[in-house]
Amino acid sequence: MKKQHNPKGGCIINISSVHQAIPKLHYVPYATSKAGLGMMTKKMALELATDNIRANLGALETVKTDMNRELRENKI
């Protein structure tokens, strides 16, 4: 993106989850990686702004799937 001439710049979009800020039992590796992604995105936004490159983070809510059914039903 830095080497582009026309248009110069661009946008980086990282996808995270609410668990970068909201803790959940037994999710230490997952929450840690999401928190790291959040800080990385902030640093990228600061460092790349002078090159007209934006960095944004989407932190998604829970999606209703079978994978998290027990959590939604408070069984864990």
PDB file of N, CA and C in Angstrom:
ATOM      1  N   MET A   1       0.821  -1.196   0.000  1.00  0.00           N
ATOM      2  CA  MET A   1       0.000   0.000   0.000  1.00  0.00           C
ATOM      3  C   MET A   1       0.861   1.255   0.000  1.00  0.00           C
ATOM      4  N   LYS A   2       1.987   1.186   0.684  1.00  0.00           N
ATOM      5  CA  LYS A   2       2.878   2.352   0.710  1.00  0.00           C
ATOM      6  C   LYS A   2       3.426   2.662  -0.670  1.00  0.00           C
ATOM      7  N   LYS A   3       3.618   1.651  -1.505  1.00  0.00           N
ATOM      8  CA  LYS A   3       4.221   1.841  -2.829  1.00  0.00           C
ATOM      9  C   LYS A   3       3.210   2.230  -3.905  1.00  0.00           C
ATOM     10  N   GLN A   4       1.916   2.158  -3.599  1.00  0.00           N
ATOM     11  CA  GLN A   4       0.903   2.527  -4.581  1.00  0.00           C
ATOM     12  C   GLN A   4       1.027   4.004  -4.931  1.00  0.00           C
ATOM     13  N   HIS A   5       0.748   4.322  -6.190  1.00  0.00           N
ATOM     14  CA  HIS A   5       0.824   5.720  -6.607  1.00  0.00           C
ATOM     15  C   HIS A   5      -0.554   6.324  -6.826  1.00  0.00           C
ATOM     16  N   ASN A   6      -1.474   5.554  -7.397  1.00  0.00           N
ATOM     17  CA  ASN A   6      -2.786   6.111  -7.682  1.00  0.00           C
ATOM     18  C   ASN A   6      -3.849   5.043  -7.505  1.00  0.00           C
ATOM     19  N   PRO A   7      -4.661   5.051  -6.488  1.00  0.00           N
ATOM     20  CA  PRO A   7      -4.614   6.013  -5.386  1.00  0.00           C
ATOM     21  C   PRO A   7      -3.570   5.604  -4.349  1.00  0.00           C
ATOM     22  N   LYS A   8      -3.025   6.574  -3.689  1.00  0.00           N
ATOM     23  CA  LYS A   8      -2.036   6.310  -2.640  1.00  0.00           C
ATOM     24  C   LYS A   8      -2.776   5.985  -1.349  1.00  0.00           C
ATOM     25  N   GLY A   9      -2.338   4.931  -0.670  1.00  0.00           N
ATOM     26  CA  GLY A   9      -2.952   4.586   0.611  1.00  0.00           C
ATOM     27  C   GLY A   9      -3.869   3.390   0.499  1.00  0.00           C
ATOM     28  N   GLY A  10      -4.758   3.284   1.475  1.00  0.00           N
ATOM     29  CA  GLY A  10      -5.684   2.158   1.483  1.00  0.00           C
ATOM     30  C   GLY A  10      -6.279   1.958   2.858  1.00  0.00           C
ATOM     31  N   CYS A  11      -6.908   0.807   3.032  1.00  0.00           N
ATOM     32  CA  CYS A  11      -7.574   0.501   4.293  1.00  0.00           C
ATOM     33  C   CYS A  11      -7.339  -0.957   4.662  1.00  0.00           C
ATOM     34  N   ILE A  12      -6.916  -1.191   5.881  1.00  0.00           N
ATOM     35  CA  ILE A  12      -6.723  -2.533   6.429  1.00  0.00           C
ATOM     36  C   ILE A  12      -7.871  -2.773   7.401  1.00  0.00           C
ATOM     37  N   ILE A  13      -8.554  -3.891   7.241  1.00  0.00           N
ATOM     38  CA  ILE A  13      -9.666  -4.226   8.134  1.00  0.00           C
ATOM     39  C   ILE A  13      -9.356  -5.548   8.821  1.00  0.00           C
ATOM     40  N   ASN A  14      -9.255  -5.515  10.141  1.00  0.00           N
ATOM     41  CA  ASN A  14      -9.042  -6.724  10.944  1.00  0.00           C
ATOM     42  C   ASN A  14     -10.356  -7.090  11.627  1.00  0.00           C
ATOM     43  N   ILE A  15     -10.576  -8.385  11.781  1.00  0.00           N
ATOM     44  CA  ILE A  15     -11.811  -8.869  12.393  1.00  0.00           C
ATOM     45  C   ILE A  15     -11.476  -9.504  13.749  1.00  0.00           C
ATOM     46  N   SER A  16     -12.153  -9.069  14.780  1.00  0.00           N
ATOM     47  CA  SER A  16     -11.932  -9.571  16.130  1.00  0.00           C
ATOM     48  C   SER A  16     -13.257 -10.045  16.707  1.00  0.00           C
ATOM     49  N   SER A  17     -13.393  -9.988  18.009  1.00  0.00           N
ATOM     50  CA  SER A  17     -14.656 -10.332  18.665  1.00  0.00           C
ATOM     51  C   SER A  17     -14.770  -9.540  19.953  1.00  0.00           C
ATOM     52  N   VAL A  18     -15.932  -9.603  20.561  1.00  0.00           N
ATOM     53  CA  VAL A  18     -16.136  -8.888  21.823  1.00  0.00           C
ATOM     54  C   VAL A  18     -15.232  -9.430  22.919  1.00  0.00           C
ATOM     55  N   HIS A  19     -14.690 -10.623  22.736  1.00  0.00           N
ATOM     56  CA  HIS A  19     -13.878 -11.241  23.779  1.00  0.00           C
ATOM     57  C   HIS A  19     -12.467 -10.656  23.868  1.00  0.00           C
ATOM     58  N   GLN A  20     -12.180  -9.621  23.076  1.00  0.00           N
ATOM     59  CA  GLN A  20     -10.939  -8.879  23.289  1.00  0.00           C
ATOM     60  C   GLN A  20     -11.084  -7.990  24.515  1.00  0.00           C
ATOM     61  N   ALA A  21     -12.334  -7.693  24.897  1.00  0.00           N
ATOM     62  CA  ALA A  21     -12.578  -6.825  26.046  1.00  0.00           C
ATOM     63  C   ALA A  21     -13.467  -7.470  27.106  1.00  0.00           C
ATOM     64  N   ILE A  22     -14.271  -8.443  26.725  1.00  0.00           N
ATOM     65  CA  ILE A  22     -15.187  -9.098  27.665  1.00  0.00           C
ATOM     66  C   ILE A  22     -14.664 -10.506  27.947  1.00  0.00           C
ATOM     67  N   PRO A  23     -14.228 -10.784  29.177  1.00  0.00           N
ATOM     68  CA  PRO A  23     -13.664 -12.095  29.484  1.00  0.00           C
ATOM     69  C   PRO A  23     -14.726 -13.196  29.524  1.00  0.00           C
ATOM     70  N   LYS A  24     -14.287 -14.397  29.230  1.00  0.00           N
ATOM     71  CA  LYS A  24     -15.149 -15.572  29.244  1.00  0.00           C
ATOM     72  C   LYS A  24     -14.317 -16.734  29.775  1.00  0.00           C
ATOM     73  N   LEU A  25     -14.909 -17.545  30.641  1.00  0.00           N
ATOM     74  CA  LEU A  25     -14.177 -18.663  31.240  1.00  0.00           C
ATOM     75  C   LEU A  25     -13.585 -19.595  30.182  1.00  0.00           C
ATOM     76  N   HIS A  26     -12.381 -20.064  30.451  1.00  0.00           N
ATOM     77  CA  HIS A  26     -11.702 -21.073  29.630  1.00  0.00           C
ATOM     78  C   HIS A  26     -11.317 -20.584  28.233  1.00  0.00           C
ATOM     79  N   TYR A  27     -11.193 -19.297  28.029  1.00  0.00           N
ATOM     80  CA  TYR A  27     -10.863 -18.753  26.715  1.00  0.00           C
ATOM     81  C   TYR A  27      -9.591 -17.906  26.752  1.00  0.00           C
ATOM     82  N   VAL A  28      -8.629 -18.267  27.584  1.00  0.00           N
ATOM     83  CA  VAL A  28      -7.416 -17.452  27.722  1.00  0.00           C
ATOM     84  C   VAL A  28      -6.682 -17.277  26.384  1.00  0.00           C
ATOM     85  N   PRO A  29      -6.361 -18.340  25.646  1.00  0.00           N
ATOM     86  CA  PRO A  29      -5.640 -18.140  24.382  1.00  0.00           C
ATOM     87  C   PRO A  29      -6.439 -17.299  23.371  1.00  0.00           C
ATOM     88  N   TYR A  30      -7.727 -17.576  23.273  1.00  0.00           N
ATOM     89  CA  TYR A  30      -8.576 -16.849  22.322  1.00  0.00           C
ATOM     90  C   TYR A  30      -8.652 -15.369  22.675  1.00  0.00           C
ATOM     91  N   ALA A  31      -8.966 -15.068  23.940  1.00  0.00           N
ATOM     92  CA  ALA A  31      -9.097 -13.678  24.370  1.00  0.00           C
ATOM     93  C   ALA A  31      -7.771 -12.932  24.251  1.00  0.00           C
ATOM     94  N   THR A  32      -6.679 -13.611  24.557  1.00  0.00           N
ATOM     95  CA  THR A  32      -5.361 -12.989  24.462  1.00  0.00           C
ATOM     96  C   THR A  32      -5.030 -12.636  23.019  1.00  0.00           C
ATOM     97  N   SER A  33      -5.322 -13.550  22.095  1.00  0.00           N
ATOM     98  CA  SER A  33      -5.032 -13.267  20.682  1.00  0.00           C
ATOM     99  C   SER A  33      -5.903 -12.128  20.160  1.00  0.00           C
ATOM    100  N   LYS A  34      -7.163 -12.064  20.596  1.00  0.00           N
ATOM    101  CA  LYS A  34      -8.046 -10.986  20.151  1.00  0.00           C
ATOM    102  C   LYS A  34      -7.616  -9.645  20.735  1.00  0.00           C
ATOM    103  N   ALA A  35      -7.180  -9.636  21.980  1.00  0.00           N
ATOM    104  CA  ALA A  35      -6.685  -8.392  22.583  1.00  0.00           C
ATOM    105  C   ALA A  35      -5.421  -7.922  21.866  1.00  0.00           C
ATOM    106  N   GLY A  36      -4.553  -8.873  21.506  1.00  0.00           N
ATOM    107  CA  GLY A  36      -3.341  -8.536  20.754  1.00  0.00           C
ATOM    108  C   GLY A  36      -3.670  -7.957  19.383  1.00  0.00           C
ATOM    109  N   LEU A  37      -4.668  -8.519  18.737  1.00  0.00           N
ATOM    110  CA  LEU A  37      -5.101  -8.015  17.433  1.00  0.00           C
ATOM    111  C   LEU A  37      -5.625  -6.586  17.565  1.00  0.00           C
ATOM    112  N   GLY A  38      -6.331  -6.311  18.662  1.00  0.00           N
ATOM    113  CA  GLY A  38      -6.832  -4.958  18.904  1.00  0.00           C
ATOM    114  C   GLY A  38      -5.704  -3.947  19.035  1.00  0.00           C
ATOM    115  N   MET A  39      -4.696  -4.274  19.827  1.00  0.00           N
ATOM    116  CA  MET A  39      -3.564  -3.357  19.997  1.00  0.00           C
ATOM    117  C   MET A  39      -2.759  -3.226  18.710  1.00  0.00           C
ATOM    118  N   MET A  40      -2.581  -4.337  17.992  1.00  0.00           N
ATOM    119  CA  MET A  40      -1.855  -4.284  16.723  1.00  0.00           C
ATOM    120  C   MET A  40      -2.556  -3.333  15.751  1.00  0.00           C
ATOM    121  N   THR A  41      -3.873  -3.392  15.708  1.00  0.00           N
ATOM    122  CA  THR A  41      -4.626  -2.520  14.805  1.00  0.00           C
ATOM    123  C   THR A  41      -4.459  -1.058  15.194  1.00  0.00           C
ATOM    124  N   LYS A  42      -4.483  -0.767  16.492  1.00  0.00           N
ATOM    125  CA  LYS A  42      -4.275   0.617  16.947  1.00  0.00           C
ATOM    126  C   LYS A  42      -2.895   1.123  16.548  1.00  0.00           C
ATOM    127  N   LYS A  43      -1.879   0.278  16.741  1.00  0.00           N
ATOM    128  CA  LYS A  43      -0.513   0.679  16.375  1.00  0.00           C
ATOM    129  C   LYS A  43      -0.381   0.874  14.869  1.00  0.00           C
ATOM    130  N   MET A  44      -0.995  -0.014  14.081  1.00  0.00           N
ATOM    131  CA  MET A  44      -0.948   0.129  12.624  1.00  0.00           C
ATOM    132  C   MET A  44      -1.603   1.434  12.198  1.00  0.00           C
ATOM    133  N   ALA A  45      -2.747   1.764  12.819  1.00  0.00           N
ATOM    134  CA  ALA A  45      -3.450   2.999  12.472  1.00  0.00           C
ATOM    135  C   ALA A  45      -2.560   4.216  12.733  1.00  0.00           C
ATOM    136  N   LEU A  46      -1.881   4.214  13.866  1.00  0.00           N
ATOM    137  CA  LEU A  46      -0.992   5.341  14.196  1.00  0.00           C
ATOM    138  C   LEU A  46       0.211   5.417  13.266  1.00  0.00           C
ATOM    139  N   GLU A  47       0.841   4.277  13.014  1.00  0.00           N
ATOM    140  CA  GLU A  47       2.082   4.268  12.239  1.00  0.00           C
ATOM    141  C   GLU A  47       1.872   4.450  10.737  1.00  0.00           C
ATOM    142  N   LEU A  48       0.705   4.064  10.230  1.00  0.00           N
ATOM    143  CA  LEU A  48       0.477   4.132   8.787  1.00  0.00           C
ATOM    144  C   LEU A  48      -0.327   5.350   8.347  1.00  0.00           C
ATOM    145  N   ALA A  49      -0.809   6.132   9.291  1.00  0.00           N
ATOM    146  CA  ALA A  49      -1.652   7.287   8.964  1.00  0.00           C
ATOM    147  C   ALA A  49      -0.949   8.275   8.045  1.00  0.00           C
ATOM    148  N   THR A  50       0.334   8.481   8.237  1.00  0.00           N
ATOM    149  CA  THR A  50       1.068   9.441   7.398  1.00  0.00           C
ATOM    150  C   THR A  50       1.185   8.976   5.948  1.00  0.00           C
ATOM    151  N   ASP A  51       0.944   7.686   5.699  1.00  0.00           N
ATOM    152  CA  ASP A  51       0.964   7.147   4.336  1.00  0.00           C
ATOM    153  C   ASP A  51      -0.451   6.988   3.772  1.00  0.00           C
ATOM    154  N   ASN A  52      -1.430   7.628   4.419  1.00  0.00           N
ATOM    155  CA  ASN A  52      -2.826   7.587   3.992  1.00  0.00           C
ATOM    156  C   ASN A  52      -3.388   6.164   4.002  1.00  0.00           C
ATOM    157  N   ILE A  53      -2.927   5.375   4.986  1.00  0.00           N
ATOM    158  CA  ILE A  53      -3.422   4.010   5.161  1.00  0.00           C
ATOM    159  C   ILE A  53      -4.165   3.954   6.494  1.00  0.00           C
ATOM    160  N   ARG A  54      -5.426   3.560   6.433  1.00  0.00           N
ATOM    161  CA  ARG A  54      -6.223   3.425   7.651  1.00  0.00           C
ATOM    162  C   ARG A  54      -6.209   1.972   8.090  1.00  0.00           C
ATOM    163  N   ALA A  55      -6.298   1.747   9.393  1.00  0.00           N
ATOM    164  CA  ALA A  55      -6.440   0.402   9.949  1.00  0.00           C
ATOM    165  C   ALA A  55      -7.651   0.418  10.876  1.00  0.00           C
ATOM    166  N   ASN A  56      -8.573  -0.487  10.646  1.00  0.00           N
ATOM    167  CA  ASN A  56      -9.806  -0.551  11.424  1.00  0.00           C
ATOM    168  C   ASN A  56     -10.009  -1.962  11.954  1.00  0.00           C
ATOM    169  N   LEU A  57     -10.757  -2.034  13.040  1.00  0.00           N
ATOM    170  CA  LEU A  57     -11.030  -3.318  13.673  1.00  0.00           C
ATOM    171  C   LEU A  57     -12.532  -3.481  13.847  1.00  0.00           C
ATOM    172  N   GLY A  58     -13.050  -4.608  13.403  1.00  0.00           N
ATOM    173  CA  GLY A  58     -14.447  -4.949  13.647  1.00  0.00           C
ATOM    174  C   GLY A  58     -14.491  -5.983  14.758  1.00  0.00           C
ATOM    175  N   ALA A  59     -15.129  -5.655  15.881  1.00  0.00           N
ATOM    176  CA  ALA A  59     -15.246  -6.587  17.004  1.00  0.00           C
ATOM    177  C   ALA A  59     -16.686  -7.086  17.033  1.00  0.00           C
ATOM    178  N   LEU A  60     -16.877  -8.293  16.556  1.00  0.00           N
ATOM    179  CA  LEU A  60     -18.215  -8.827  16.353  1.00  0.00           C
ATOM    180  C   LEU A  60     -18.828  -9.394  17.631  1.00  0.00           C
ATOM    181  N   GLU A  61     -20.126  -9.367  17.688  1.00  0.00           N
ATOM    182  CA  GLU A  61     -20.887  -9.984  18.776  1.00  0.00           C
ATOM    183  C   GLU A  61     -21.011 -11.484  18.514  1.00  0.00           C
ATOM    184  N   THR A  62     -21.604 -12.196  19.449  1.00  0.00           N
ATOM    185  CA  THR A  62     -21.828 -13.629  19.305  1.00  0.00           C
ATOM    186  C   THR A  62     -22.854 -13.897  18.211  1.00  0.00           C
ATOM    187  N   VAL A  63     -22.565 -14.895  17.398  1.00  0.00           N
ATOM    188  CA  VAL A  63     -23.486 -15.331  16.367  1.00  0.00           C
ATOM    189  C   VAL A  63     -24.136 -16.629  16.848  1.00  0.00           C
ATOM    190  N   LYS A  64     -25.426 -16.724  16.719  1.00  0.00           N
ATOM    191  CA  LYS A  64     -26.158 -17.889  17.205  1.00  0.00           C
ATOM    192  C   LYS A  64     -25.834 -19.105  16.326  1.00  0.00           C
ATOM    193  N   THR A  65     -25.018 -20.018  16.884  1.00  0.00           N
ATOM    194  CA  THR A  65     -24.654 -21.246  16.186  1.00  0.00           C
ATOM    195  C   THR A  65     -24.692 -22.400  17.184  1.00  0.00           C
ATOM    196  N   ASP A  66     -24.615 -23.633  16.665  1.00  0.00           N
ATOM    197  CA  ASP A  66     -24.557 -24.799  17.546  1.00  0.00           C
ATOM    198  C   ASP A  66     -23.293 -24.790  18.398  1.00  0.00           C
ATOM    199  N   MET A  67     -22.229 -24.181  17.883  1.00  0.00           N
ATOM    200  CA  MET A  67     -20.955 -24.159  18.594  1.00  0.00           C
ATOM    201  C   MET A  67     -21.072 -23.483  19.962  1.00  0.00           C
ATOM    202  N   ASN A  68     -21.910 -22.463  20.071  1.00  0.00           N
ATOM    203  CA  ASN A  68     -22.012 -21.743  21.341  1.00  0.00           C
ATOM    204  C   ASN A  68     -23.381 -21.923  22.011  1.00  0.00           C
ATOM    205  N   ARG A  69     -24.106 -22.945  21.643  1.00  0.00           N
ATOM    206  CA  ARG A  69     -25.441 -23.195  22.211  1.00  0.00           C
ATOM    207  C   ARG A  69     -25.390 -23.324  23.735  1.00  0.00           C
ATOM    208  N   GLU A  70     -24.428 -24.109  24.255  1.00  0.00           N
ATOM    209  CA  GLU A  70     -24.340 -24.292  25.711  1.00  0.00           C
ATOM    210  C   GLU A  70     -24.077 -22.979  26.432  1.00  0.00           C
ATOM    211  N   LEU A  71     -23.251 -22.147  25.842  1.00  0.00           N
ATOM    212  CA  LEU A  71     -22.966 -20.845  26.451  1.00  0.00           C
ATOM    213  C   LEU A  71     -24.244 -19.980  26.462  1.00  0.00           C
ATOM    214  N   ARG A  72     -24.969 -19.962  25.369  1.00  0.00           N
ATOM    215  CA  ARG A  72     -26.193 -19.164  25.307  1.00  0.00           C
ATOM    216  C   ARG A  72     -27.249 -19.653  26.280  1.00  0.00           C
ATOM    217  N   GLU A  73     -27.257 -20.960  26.540  1.00  0.00           N
ATOM    218  CA  GLU A  73     -28.239 -21.534  27.443  1.00  0.00           C
ATOM    219  C   GLU A  73     -27.730 -21.615  28.883  1.00  0.00           C
ATOM    220  N   ASN A  74     -26.565 -20.977  29.145  1.00  0.00           N
ATOM    221  CA  ASN A  74     -25.962 -20.925  30.482  1.00  0.00           C
ATOM    222  C   ASN A  74     -25.682 -22.294  31.068  1.00  0.00           C
ATOM    223  N   LYS A  75     -25.235 -23.237  30.251  1.00  0.00           N
ATOM    224  CA  LYS A  75     -24.938 -24.574  30.726  1.00  0.00           C
ATOM    225  C   LYS A  75     -23.458 -24.775  31.041  1.00  0.00           C
ATOM    226  N   ILE A  76     -22.635 -23.757  30.801  1.00  0.00           N
ATOM    227  CA  ILE A  76     -21.214 -23.856  31.151  1.00  0.00           C
ATOM    228  C   ILE A  76     -20.807 -22.701  32.026  1.00  0.00           C
TER     229      ILE A  76
END
